[in-house]
Amino acid sequence: MHIQIGRFETPHASKYLQQLCKHFAHKVEVAYTPTEGRAALPPGPATLEATETGLTVRLSAKDDAGMGHARAIIDLHLKKFAFREAFEEMVWEPIIAAV
């Protein structure tokens, strides 16, 4: 299982978390509050956390292709929602899972 964490520094993290989750709920199972969210994206689950300083997204996928797809889903939607902040993409970091 591949895991990556992305971070977007913004004071509007809760707004974007809720926009993402509401949008994804049209196609996949979603649960969220103003500070936490979970979406069953096709490549694997995404968990979101909003704080006063930013939005953190944790993605899981079976392989590199799935991870690329999952990152693209998040980045493309955030680019639309956060256009006023000139958002381009999250800073993604791989997490090494213990075997």
PDB file of N, CA and C in Angstrom:
ATOM      1  N   MET A   1       0.849  -1.183   0.000  1.00  0.00           N
ATOM      2  CA  MET A   1       0.000   0.000   0.000  1.00  0.00           C
ATOM      3  C   MET A   1       0.892   1.243   0.000  1.00  0.00           C
ATOM      4  N   HIS A   2       0.595   2.163  -0.890  1.00  0.00           N
ATOM      5  CA  HIS A   2       1.313   3.428  -0.978  1.00  0.00           C
ATOM      6  C   HIS A   2       0.532   4.484  -0.192  1.00  0.00           C
ATOM      7  N   ILE A   3       1.247   5.281   0.575  1.00  0.00           N
ATOM      8  CA  ILE A   3       0.619   6.342   1.367  1.00  0.00           C
ATOM      9  C   ILE A   3       1.393   7.628   1.139  1.00  0.00           C
ATOM     10  N   GLN A   4       0.667   8.713   0.905  1.00  0.00           N
ATOM     11  CA  GLN A   4       1.288  10.028   0.785  1.00  0.00           C
ATOM     12  C   GLN A   4       0.454  11.047   1.545  1.00  0.00           C
ATOM     13  N   ILE A   5       1.155  12.057   2.038  1.00  0.00           N
ATOM     14  CA  ILE A   5       0.490  13.150   2.748  1.00  0.00           C
ATOM     15  C   ILE A   5       0.791  14.444   2.017  1.00  0.00           C
ATOM     16  N   GLY A   6      -0.268  15.215   1.769  1.00  0.00           N
ATOM     17  CA  GLY A   6      -0.138  16.509   1.120  1.00  0.00           C
ATOM     18  C   GLY A   6      -0.542  17.614   2.067  1.00  0.00           C
ATOM     19  N   ARG A   7       0.071  18.770   1.893  1.00  0.00           N
ATOM     20  CA  ARG A   7      -0.206  19.913   2.768  1.00  0.00           C
ATOM     21  C   ARG A   7      -0.390  21.164   1.912  1.00  0.00           C
ATOM     22  N   PHE A   8      -1.412  21.946   2.271  1.00  0.00           N
ATOM     23  CA  PHE A   8      -1.687  23.236   1.641  1.00  0.00           C
ATOM     24  C   PHE A   8      -1.858  24.244   2.758  1.00  0.00           C
ATOM     25  N   GLU A   9      -0.905  25.164   2.872  1.00  0.00           N
ATOM     26  CA  GLU A   9      -0.969  26.195   3.901  1.00  0.00           C
ATOM     27  C   GLU A   9      -1.989  27.252   3.484  1.00  0.00           C
ATOM     28  N   THR A  10      -3.058  27.367   4.256  1.00  0.00           N
ATOM     29  CA  THR A  10      -4.135  28.311   3.948  1.00  0.00           C
ATOM     30  C   THR A  10      -4.974  28.550   5.196  1.00  0.00           C
ATOM     31  N   PRO A  11      -5.440  29.766   5.387  1.00  0.00           N
ATOM     32  CA  PRO A  11      -6.358  30.030   6.500  1.00  0.00           C
ATOM     33  C   PRO A  11      -7.786  29.559   6.194  1.00  0.00           C
ATOM     34  N   HIS A  12      -8.020  29.070   4.974  1.00  0.00           N
ATOM     35  CA  HIS A  12      -9.357  28.647   4.544  1.00  0.00           C
ATOM     36  C   HIS A  12      -9.483  27.132   4.448  1.00  0.00           C
ATOM     37  N   ALA A  13      -8.713  26.407   5.228  1.00  0.00           N
ATOM     38  CA  ALA A  13      -8.667  24.945   5.139  1.00  0.00           C
ATOM     39  C   ALA A  13     -10.035  24.298   5.367  1.00  0.00           C
ATOM     40  N   SER A  14     -10.770  24.748   6.357  1.00  0.00           N
ATOM     41  CA  SER A  14     -12.077  24.154   6.641  1.00  0.00           C
ATOM     42  C   SER A  14     -13.030  24.340   5.464  1.00  0.00           C
ATOM     43  N   LYS A  15     -13.015  25.513   4.872  1.00  0.00           N
ATOM     44  CA  LYS A  15     -13.865  25.789   3.706  1.00  0.00           C
ATOM     45  C   LYS A  15     -13.540  24.819   2.571  1.00  0.00           C
ATOM     46  N   TYR A  16     -12.252  24.626   2.285  1.00  0.00           N
ATOM     47  CA  TYR A  16     -11.862  23.739   1.185  1.00  0.00           C
ATOM     48  C   TYR A  16     -12.154  22.276   1.512  1.00  0.00           C
ATOM     49  N   LEU A  17     -11.936  21.871   2.750  1.00  0.00           N
ATOM     50  CA  LEU A  17     -12.263  20.502   3.158  1.00  0.00           C
ATOM     51  C   LEU A  17     -13.743  20.227   2.891  1.00  0.00           C
ATOM     52  N   GLN A  18     -14.595  21.147   3.305  1.00  0.00           N
ATOM     53  CA  GLN A  18     -16.034  20.958   3.133  1.00  0.00           C
ATOM     54  C   GLN A  18     -16.434  20.992   1.649  1.00  0.00           C
ATOM     55  N   GLN A  19     -15.810  21.876   0.865  1.00  0.00           N
ATOM     56  CA  GLN A  19     -16.110  21.920  -0.565  1.00  0.00           C
ATOM     57  C   GLN A  19     -15.716  20.607  -1.237  1.00  0.00           C
ATOM     58  N   LEU A  20     -14.518  20.116  -0.936  1.00  0.00           N
ATOM     59  CA  LEU A  20     -14.065  18.850  -1.512  1.00  0.00           C
ATOM     60  C   LEU A  20     -15.022  17.717  -1.150  1.00  0.00           C
ATOM     61  N   CYS A  21     -15.347  17.622   0.125  1.00  0.00           N
ATOM     62  CA  CYS A  21     -16.203  16.516   0.570  1.00  0.00           C
ATOM     63  C   CYS A  21     -17.600  16.605  -0.026  1.00  0.00           C
ATOM     64  N   LYS A  22     -18.174  17.785  -0.072  1.00  0.00           N
ATOM     65  CA  LYS A  22     -19.508  17.937  -0.681  1.00  0.00           C
ATOM     66  C   LYS A  22     -19.472  17.552  -2.154  1.00  0.00           C
ATOM     67  N   HIS A  23     -18.405  17.951  -2.839  1.00  0.00           N
ATOM     68  CA  HIS A  23     -18.282  17.625  -4.254  1.00  0.00           C
ATOM     69  C   HIS A  23     -18.109  16.114  -4.460  1.00  0.00           C
ATOM     70  N   PHE A  24     -17.223  15.505  -3.698  1.00  0.00           N
ATOM     71  CA  PHE A  24     -16.970  14.070  -3.830  1.00  0.00           C
ATOM     72  C   PHE A  24     -18.202  13.244  -3.462  1.00  0.00           C
ATOM     73  N   ALA A  25     -19.044  13.765  -2.567  1.00  0.00           N
ATOM     74  CA  ALA A  25     -20.229  13.020  -2.115  1.00  0.00           C
ATOM     75  C   ALA A  25     -21.212  12.739  -3.247  1.00  0.00           C
ATOM     76  N   HIS A  26     -21.078  13.435  -4.369  1.00  0.00           N
ATOM     77  CA  HIS A  26     -21.942  13.161  -5.517  1.00  0.00           C
ATOM     78  C   HIS A  26     -21.604  11.827  -6.176  1.00  0.00           C
ATOM     79  N   LYS A  27     -20.366  11.325  -5.924  1.00  0.00           N
ATOM     80  CA  LYS A  27     -19.933  10.101  -6.609  1.00  0.00           C
ATOM     81  C   LYS A  27     -19.429   8.999  -5.689  1.00  0.00           C
ATOM     82  N   VAL A  28     -18.927   9.354  -4.514  1.00  0.00           N
ATOM     83  CA  VAL A  28     -18.354   8.341  -3.614  1.00  0.00           C
ATOM     84  C   VAL A  28     -18.857   8.561  -2.191  1.00  0.00           C
ATOM     85  N   GLU A  29     -18.637   7.570  -1.347  1.00  0.00           N
ATOM     86  CA  GLU A  29     -19.024   7.673   0.059  1.00  0.00           C
ATOM     87  C   GLU A  29     -18.099   8.666   0.769  1.00  0.00           C
ATOM     88  N   VAL A  30     -18.718   9.586   1.515  1.00  0.00           N
ATOM     89  CA  VAL A  30     -17.993  10.657   2.193  1.00  0.00           C
ATOM     90  C   VAL A  30     -18.582  10.867   3.577  1.00  0.00           C
ATOM     91  N   ALA A  31     -17.728  11.195   4.534  1.00  0.00           N
ATOM     92  CA  ALA A  31     -18.153  11.632   5.867  1.00  0.00           C
ATOM     93  C   ALA A  31     -17.245  12.797   6.244  1.00  0.00           C
ATOM     94  N   TYR A  32     -17.840  13.855   6.827  1.00  0.00           N
ATOM     95  CA  TYR A  32     -16.992  14.994   7.184  1.00  0.00           C
ATOM     96  C   TYR A  32     -17.635  15.886   8.239  1.00  0.00           C
ATOM     97  N   THR A  33     -16.764  16.636   8.882  1.00  0.00           N
ATOM     98  CA  THR A  33     -17.116  17.720   9.790  1.00  0.00           C
ATOM     99  C   THR A  33     -16.333  18.933   9.278  1.00  0.00           C
ATOM    100  N   PRO A  34     -16.446  20.086   9.928  1.00  0.00           N
ATOM    101  CA  PRO A  34     -15.647  21.229   9.478  1.00  0.00           C
ATOM    102  C   PRO A  34     -14.132  21.023   9.595  1.00  0.00           C
ATOM    103  N   THR A  35     -13.692  20.058  10.408  1.00  0.00           N
ATOM    104  CA  THR A  35     -12.250  19.877  10.600  1.00  0.00           C
ATOM    105  C   THR A  35     -11.705  18.529  10.142  1.00  0.00           C
ATOM    106  N   GLU A  36     -12.569  17.562   9.842  1.00  0.00           N
ATOM    107  CA  GLU A  36     -12.107  16.244   9.424  1.00  0.00           C
ATOM    108  C   GLU A  36     -13.002  15.702   8.325  1.00  0.00           C
ATOM    109  N   GLY A  37     -12.384  14.948   7.407  1.00  0.00           N
ATOM    110  CA  GLY A  37     -13.166  14.353   6.345  1.00  0.00           C
ATOM    111  C   GLY A  37     -12.561  13.043   5.880  1.00  0.00           C
ATOM    112  N   ARG A  38     -13.394  12.233   5.262  1.00  0.00           N
ATOM    113  CA  ARG A  38     -12.962  10.964   4.684  1.00  0.00           C
ATOM    114  C   ARG A  38     -13.764  10.746   3.417  1.00  0.00           C
ATOM    115  N   ALA A  39     -13.037  10.412   2.340  1.00  0.00           N
ATOM    116  CA  ALA A  39     -13.686  10.161   1.054  1.00  0.00           C
ATOM    117  C   ALA A  39     -13.146   8.865   0.472  1.00  0.00           C
ATOM    118  N   ALA A  40     -14.037   8.018  -0.005  1.00  0.00           N
ATOM    119  CA  ALA A  40     -13.655   6.735  -0.597  1.00  0.00           C
ATOM    120  C   ALA A  40     -13.367   6.952  -2.085  1.00  0.00           C
ATOM    121  N   LEU A  41     -12.234   7.571  -2.386  1.00  0.00           N
ATOM    122  CA  LEU A  41     -11.859   7.827  -3.774  1.00  0.00           C
ATOM    123  C   LEU A  41     -11.572   6.507  -4.491  1.00  0.00           C
ATOM    124  N   PRO A  42     -11.774   6.455  -5.802  1.00  0.00           N
ATOM    125  CA  PRO A  42     -11.542   5.205  -6.525  1.00  0.00           C
ATOM    126  C   PRO A  42     -10.139   4.588  -6.335  1.00  0.00           C
ATOM    127  N   PRO A  43      -9.062   5.380  -6.308  1.00  0.00           N
ATOM    128  CA  PRO A  43      -7.747   4.769  -6.119  1.00  0.00           C
ATOM    129  C   PRO A  43      -7.499   4.291  -4.686  1.00  0.00           C
ATOM    130  N   GLY A  44      -8.237   4.837  -3.728  1.00  0.00           N
ATOM    131  CA  GLY A  44      -8.073   4.489  -2.321  1.00  0.00           C
ATOM    132  C   GLY A  44      -8.595   5.602  -1.444  1.00  0.00           C
ATOM    133  N   PRO A  45      -8.713   5.342  -0.146  1.00  0.00           N
ATOM    134  CA  PRO A  45      -9.302   6.335   0.746  1.00  0.00           C
ATOM    135  C   PRO A  45      -8.441   7.585   0.928  1.00  0.00           C
ATOM    136  N   ALA A  46      -9.128   8.694   1.122  1.00  0.00           N
ATOM    137  CA  ALA A  46      -8.481   9.969   1.433  1.00  0.00           C
ATOM    138  C   ALA A  46      -9.025  10.457   2.764  1.00  0.00           C
ATOM    139  N   THR A  47      -8.139  10.887   3.641  1.00  0.00           N
ATOM    140  CA  THR A  47      -8.562  11.522   4.882  1.00  0.00           C
ATOM    141  C   THR A  47      -8.054  12.958   4.857  1.00  0.00           C
ATOM    142  N   LEU A  48      -8.896  13.863   5.315  1.00  0.00           N
ATOM    143  CA  LEU A  48      -8.578  15.287   5.271  1.00  0.00           C
ATOM    144  C   LEU A  48      -8.670  15.868   6.678  1.00  0.00           C
ATOM    145  N   GLU A  49      -7.779  16.802   6.954  1.00  0.00           N
ATOM    146  CA  GLU A  49      -7.797  17.486   8.243  1.00  0.00           C
ATOM    147  C   GLU A  49      -7.559  18.973   8.018  1.00  0.00           C
ATOM    148  N   ALA A  50      -8.436  19.801   8.590  1.00  0.00           N
ATOM    149  CA  ALA A  50      -8.308  21.242   8.481  1.00  0.00           C
ATOM    150  C   ALA A  50      -7.939  21.824   9.837  1.00  0.00           C
ATOM    151  N   THR A  51      -6.939  22.687   9.834  1.00  0.00           N
ATOM    152  CA  THR A  51      -6.560  23.442  11.025  1.00  0.00           C
ATOM    153  C   THR A  51      -6.630  24.927  10.668  1.00  0.00           C
ATOM    154  N   GLU A  52      -6.303  25.769  11.599  1.00  0.00           N
ATOM    155  CA  GLU A  52      -6.308  27.211  11.335  1.00  0.00           C
ATOM    156  C   GLU A  52      -5.240  27.611  10.327  1.00  0.00           C
ATOM    157  N   THR A  53      -4.222  26.768  10.153  1.00  0.00           N
ATOM    158  CA  THR A  53      -3.110  27.130   9.280  1.00  0.00           C
ATOM    159  C   THR A  53      -3.039  26.361   7.968  1.00  0.00           C
ATOM    160  N   GLY A  54      -3.840  25.298   7.818  1.00  0.00           N
ATOM    161  CA  GLY A  54      -3.745  24.581   6.562  1.00  0.00           C
ATOM    162  C   GLY A  54      -4.582  23.325   6.479  1.00  0.00           C
ATOM    163  N   LEU A  55      -4.553  22.754   5.287  1.00  0.00           N
ATOM    164  CA  LEU A  55      -5.277  21.530   4.966  1.00  0.00           C
ATOM    165  C   LEU A  55      -4.264  20.412   4.735  1.00  0.00           C
ATOM    166  N   THR A  56      -4.472  19.284   5.409  1.00  0.00           N
ATOM    167  CA  THR A  56      -3.631  18.105   5.231  1.00  0.00           C
ATOM    168  C   THR A  56      -4.490  16.982   4.675  1.00  0.00           C
ATOM    169  N   VAL A  57      -3.980  16.317   3.646  1.00  0.00           N
ATOM    170  CA  VAL A  57      -4.694  15.203   3.014  1.00  0.00           C
ATOM    171  C   VAL A  57      -3.783  13.980   3.026  1.00  0.00           C
ATOM    172  N   ARG A  58      -4.311  12.875   3.507  1.00  0.00           N
ATOM    173  CA  ARG A  58      -3.579  11.601   3.503  1.00  0.00           C
ATOM    174  C   ARG A  58      -4.255  10.676   2.503  1.00  0.00           C
ATOM    175  N   LEU A  59      -3.473  10.203   1.534  1.00  0.00           N
ATOM    176  CA  LEU A  59      -3.984   9.334   0.485  1.00  0.00           C
ATOM    177  C   LEU A  59      -3.387   7.944   0.593  1.00  0.00           C
ATOM    178  N   SER A  60      -4.176   6.949   0.256  1.00  0.00           N
ATOM    179  CA  SER A  60      -3.701   5.571   0.165  1.00  0.00           C
ATOM    180  C   SER A  60      -4.079   5.043  -1.214  1.00  0.00           C
ATOM    181  N   ALA A  61      -3.171   4.267  -1.808  1.00  0.00           N
ATOM    182  CA  ALA A  61      -3.439   3.647  -3.111  1.00  0.00           C
ATOM    183  C   ALA A  61      -2.623   2.366  -3.217  1.00  0.00           C
ATOM    184  N   LYS A  62      -3.062   1.471  -4.113  1.00  0.00           N
ATOM    185  CA  LYS A  62      -2.394   0.180  -4.262  1.00  0.00           C
ATOM    186  C   LYS A  62      -1.050   0.274  -4.969  1.00  0.00           C
ATOM    187  N   ASP A  63      -0.899   1.264  -5.868  1.00  0.00           N
ATOM    188  CA  ASP A  63       0.337   1.344  -6.650  1.00  0.00           C
ATOM    189  C   ASP A  63       0.620   2.790  -7.038  1.00  0.00           C
ATOM    190  N   ASP A  64       1.738   3.005  -7.750  1.00  0.00           N
ATOM    191  CA  ASP A  64       2.137   4.353  -8.145  1.00  0.00           C
ATOM    192  C   ASP A  64       1.102   5.023  -9.055  1.00  0.00           C
ATOM    193  N   ALA A  65       0.537   4.247  -9.969  1.00  0.00           N
ATOM    194  CA  ALA A  65      -0.469   4.807 -10.874  1.00  0.00           C
ATOM    195  C   ALA A  65      -1.689   5.287 -10.098  1.00  0.00           C
ATOM    196  N   GLY A  66      -2.142   4.477  -9.149  1.00  0.00           N
ATOM    197  CA  GLY A  66      -3.273   4.869  -8.316  1.00  0.00           C
ATOM    198  C   GLY A  66      -2.965   6.102  -7.487  1.00  0.00           C
ATOM    199  N   MET A  67      -1.739   6.182  -6.975  1.00  0.00           N
ATOM    200  CA  MET A  67      -1.359   7.347  -6.175  1.00  0.00           C
ATOM    201  C   MET A  67      -1.336   8.608  -7.046  1.00  0.00           C
ATOM    202  N   GLY A  68      -0.820   8.486  -8.254  1.00  0.00           N
ATOM    203  CA  GLY A  68      -0.823   9.632  -9.159  1.00  0.00           C
ATOM    204  C   GLY A  68      -2.237  10.097  -9.469  1.00  0.00           C
ATOM    205  N   HIS A  69      -3.133   9.146  -9.650  1.00  0.00           N
ATOM    206  CA  HIS A  69      -4.537   9.473  -9.917  1.00  0.00           C
ATOM    207  C   HIS A  69      -5.164  10.160  -8.701  1.00  0.00           C
ATOM    208  N   ALA A  70      -4.915   9.627  -7.515  1.00  0.00           N
ATOM    209  CA  ALA A  70      -5.481  10.202  -6.287  1.00  0.00           C
ATOM    210  C   ALA A  70      -4.971  11.629  -6.070  1.00  0.00           C
ATOM    211  N   ARG A  71      -3.664  11.836  -6.250  1.00  0.00           N
ATOM    212  CA  ARG A  71      -3.101  13.192  -6.102  1.00  0.00           C
ATOM    213  C   ARG A  71      -3.741  14.144  -7.103  1.00  0.00           C
ATOM    214  N   ALA A  72      -3.911  13.675  -8.338  1.00  0.00           N
ATOM    215  CA  ALA A  72      -4.511  14.521  -9.374  1.00  0.00           C
ATOM    216  C   ALA A  72      -5.942  14.900  -9.027  1.00  0.00           C
ATOM    217  N   ILE A  73      -6.692  13.964  -8.466  1.00  0.00           N
ATOM    218  CA  ILE A  73      -8.073  14.257  -8.055  1.00  0.00           C
ATOM    219  C   ILE A  73      -8.088  15.411  -7.058  1.00  0.00           C
ATOM    220  N   ILE A  74      -7.262  15.310  -6.029  1.00  0.00           N
ATOM    221  CA  ILE A  74      -7.221  16.358  -4.992  1.00  0.00           C
ATOM    222  C   ILE A  74      -6.710  17.668  -5.576  1.00  0.00           C
ATOM    223  N   ASP A  75      -5.565  17.618  -6.262  1.00  0.00           N
ATOM    224  CA  ASP A  75      -4.965  18.847  -6.781  1.00  0.00           C
ATOM    225  C   ASP A  75      -5.858  19.566  -7.784  1.00  0.00           C
ATOM    226  N   LEU A  76      -6.469  18.825  -8.714  1.00  0.00           N
ATOM    227  CA  LEU A  76      -7.319  19.467  -9.718  1.00  0.00           C
ATOM    228  C   LEU A  76      -8.543  20.133  -9.097  1.00  0.00           C
ATOM    229  N   HIS A  77      -9.149  19.469  -8.112  1.00  0.00           N
ATOM    230  CA  HIS A  77     -10.319  20.072  -7.468  1.00  0.00           C
ATOM    231  C   HIS A  77      -9.926  21.273  -6.609  1.00  0.00           C
ATOM    232  N   LEU A  78      -8.838  21.161  -5.872  1.00  0.00           N
ATOM    233  CA  LEU A  78      -8.395  22.310  -5.070  1.00  0.00           C
ATOM    234  C   LEU A  78      -8.003  23.487  -5.951  1.00  0.00           C
ATOM    235  N   LYS A  79      -7.440  23.202  -7.108  1.00  0.00           N
ATOM    236  CA  LYS A  79      -7.072  24.288  -8.022  1.00  0.00           C
ATOM    237  C   LYS A  79      -8.310  25.094  -8.420  1.00  0.00           C
ATOM    238  N   LYS A  80      -9.431  24.412  -8.598  1.00  0.00           N
ATOM    239  CA  LYS A  80     -10.686  25.101  -8.920  1.00  0.00           C
ATOM    240  C   LYS A  80     -11.228  25.875  -7.718  1.00  0.00           C
ATOM    241  N   PHE A  81     -11.193  25.230  -6.547  1.00  0.00           N
ATOM    242  CA  PHE A  81     -11.788  25.854  -5.362  1.00  0.00           C
ATOM    243  C   PHE A  81     -10.917  26.970  -4.781  1.00  0.00           C
ATOM    244  N   ALA A  82      -9.609  26.847  -4.881  1.00  0.00           N
ATOM    245  CA  ALA A  82      -8.683  27.806  -4.254  1.00  0.00           C
ATOM    246  C   ALA A  82      -8.031  28.723  -5.289  1.00  0.00           C
ATOM    247  N   PHE A  83      -8.731  29.006  -6.362  1.00  0.00           N
ATOM    248  CA  PHE A  83      -8.141  29.824  -7.423  1.00  0.00           C
ATOM    249  C   PHE A  83      -7.762  31.222  -6.940  1.00  0.00           C
ATOM    250  N   ARG A  84      -8.453  31.754  -5.948  1.00  0.00           N
ATOM    251  CA  ARG A  84      -8.125  33.085  -5.423  1.00  0.00           C
ATOM    252  C   ARG A  84      -6.768  33.102  -4.718  1.00  0.00           C
ATOM    253  N   GLU A  85      -6.301  31.920  -4.324  1.00  0.00           N
ATOM    254  CA  GLU A  85      -5.007  31.817  -3.649  1.00  0.00           C
ATOM    255  C   GLU A  85      -3.909  31.351  -4.601  1.00  0.00           C
ATOM    256  N   ALA A  86      -4.212  31.292  -5.887  1.00  0.00           N
ATOM    257  CA  ALA A  86      -3.257  30.849  -6.901  1.00  0.00           C
ATOM    258  C   ALA A  86      -2.696  29.466  -6.579  1.00  0.00           C
ATOM    259  N   PHE A  87      -3.552  28.596  -6.068  1.00  0.00           N
ATOM    260  CA  PHE A  87      -3.141  27.226  -5.749  1.00  0.00           C
ATOM    261  C   PHE A  87      -2.769  26.493  -7.035  1.00  0.00           C
ATOM    262  N   GLU A  88      -1.672  25.738  -6.996  1.00  0.00           N
ATOM    263  CA  GLU A  88      -1.266  24.907  -8.129  1.00  0.00           C
ATOM    264  C   GLU A  88      -1.333  23.429  -7.765  1.00  0.00           C
ATOM    265  N   GLU A  89      -0.652  23.040  -6.681  1.00  0.00           N
ATOM    266  CA  GLU A  89      -0.704  21.661  -6.209  1.00  0.00           C
ATOM    267  C   GLU A  89      -0.192  21.585  -4.787  1.00  0.00           C
ATOM    268  N   MET A  90      -0.604  20.539  -4.094  1.00  0.00           N
ATOM    269  CA  MET A  90      -0.140  20.316  -2.732  1.00  0.00           C
ATOM    270  C   MET A  90       1.316  19.861  -2.757  1.00  0.00           C
ATOM    271  N   VAL A  91       1.962  20.024  -1.641  1.00  0.00           N
ATOM    272  CA  VAL A  91       3.294  19.458  -1.449  1.00  0.00           C
ATOM    273  C   VAL A  91       3.077  18.051  -0.925  1.00  0.00           C
ATOM    274  N   TRP A  92       3.394  17.038  -1.746  1.00  0.00           N
ATOM    275  CA  TRP A  92       3.141  15.639  -1.401  1.00  0.00           C
ATOM    276  C   TRP A  92       4.416  14.968  -0.930  1.00  0.00           C
ATOM    277  N   GLU A  93       4.289  14.213   0.160  1.00  0.00           N
ATOM    278  CA  GLU A  93       5.428  13.462   0.681  1.00  0.00           C
ATOM    279  C   GLU A  93       5.017  12.019   0.903  1.00  0.00           C
ATOM    280  N   PRO A  94       5.845  11.062   0.436  1.00  0.00           N
ATOM    281  CA  PRO A  94       5.533   9.645   0.668  1.00  0.00           C
ATOM    282  C   PRO A  94       5.772   9.279   2.124  1.00  0.00           C
ATOM    283  N   ILE A  95       4.966   8.375   2.612  1.00  0.00           N
ATOM    284  CA  ILE A  95       5.118   7.829   3.955  1.00  0.00           C
ATOM    285  C   ILE A  95       5.581   6.380   3.806  1.00  0.00           C
ATOM    286  N   ILE A  96       6.655   6.048   4.479  1.00  0.00           N
ATOM    287  CA  ILE A  96       7.158   4.686   4.410  1.00  0.00           C
ATOM    288  C   ILE A  96       6.411   3.869   5.458  1.00  0.00           C
ATOM    289  N   ALA A  97       5.626   2.893   4.982  1.00  0.00           N
ATOM    290  CA  ALA A  97       4.826   2.056   5.889  1.00  0.00           C
ATOM    291  C   ALA A  97       5.680   0.900   6.407  1.00  0.00           C
ATOM    292  N   ALA A  98       5.520   0.600   7.669  1.00  0.00           N
ATOM    293  CA  ALA A  98       6.228  -0.538   8.266  1.00  0.00           C
ATOM    294  C   ALA A  98       5.575  -1.833   7.787  1.00  0.00           C
ATOM    295  N   VAL A  99       6.391  -2.819   7.539  1.00  0.00           N
ATOM    296  CA  VAL A  99       5.887  -4.099   7.038  1.00  0.00           C
ATOM    297  C   VAL A  99       5.618  -5.035   8.196  1.00  0.00           C
TER     298      VAL A  99
END
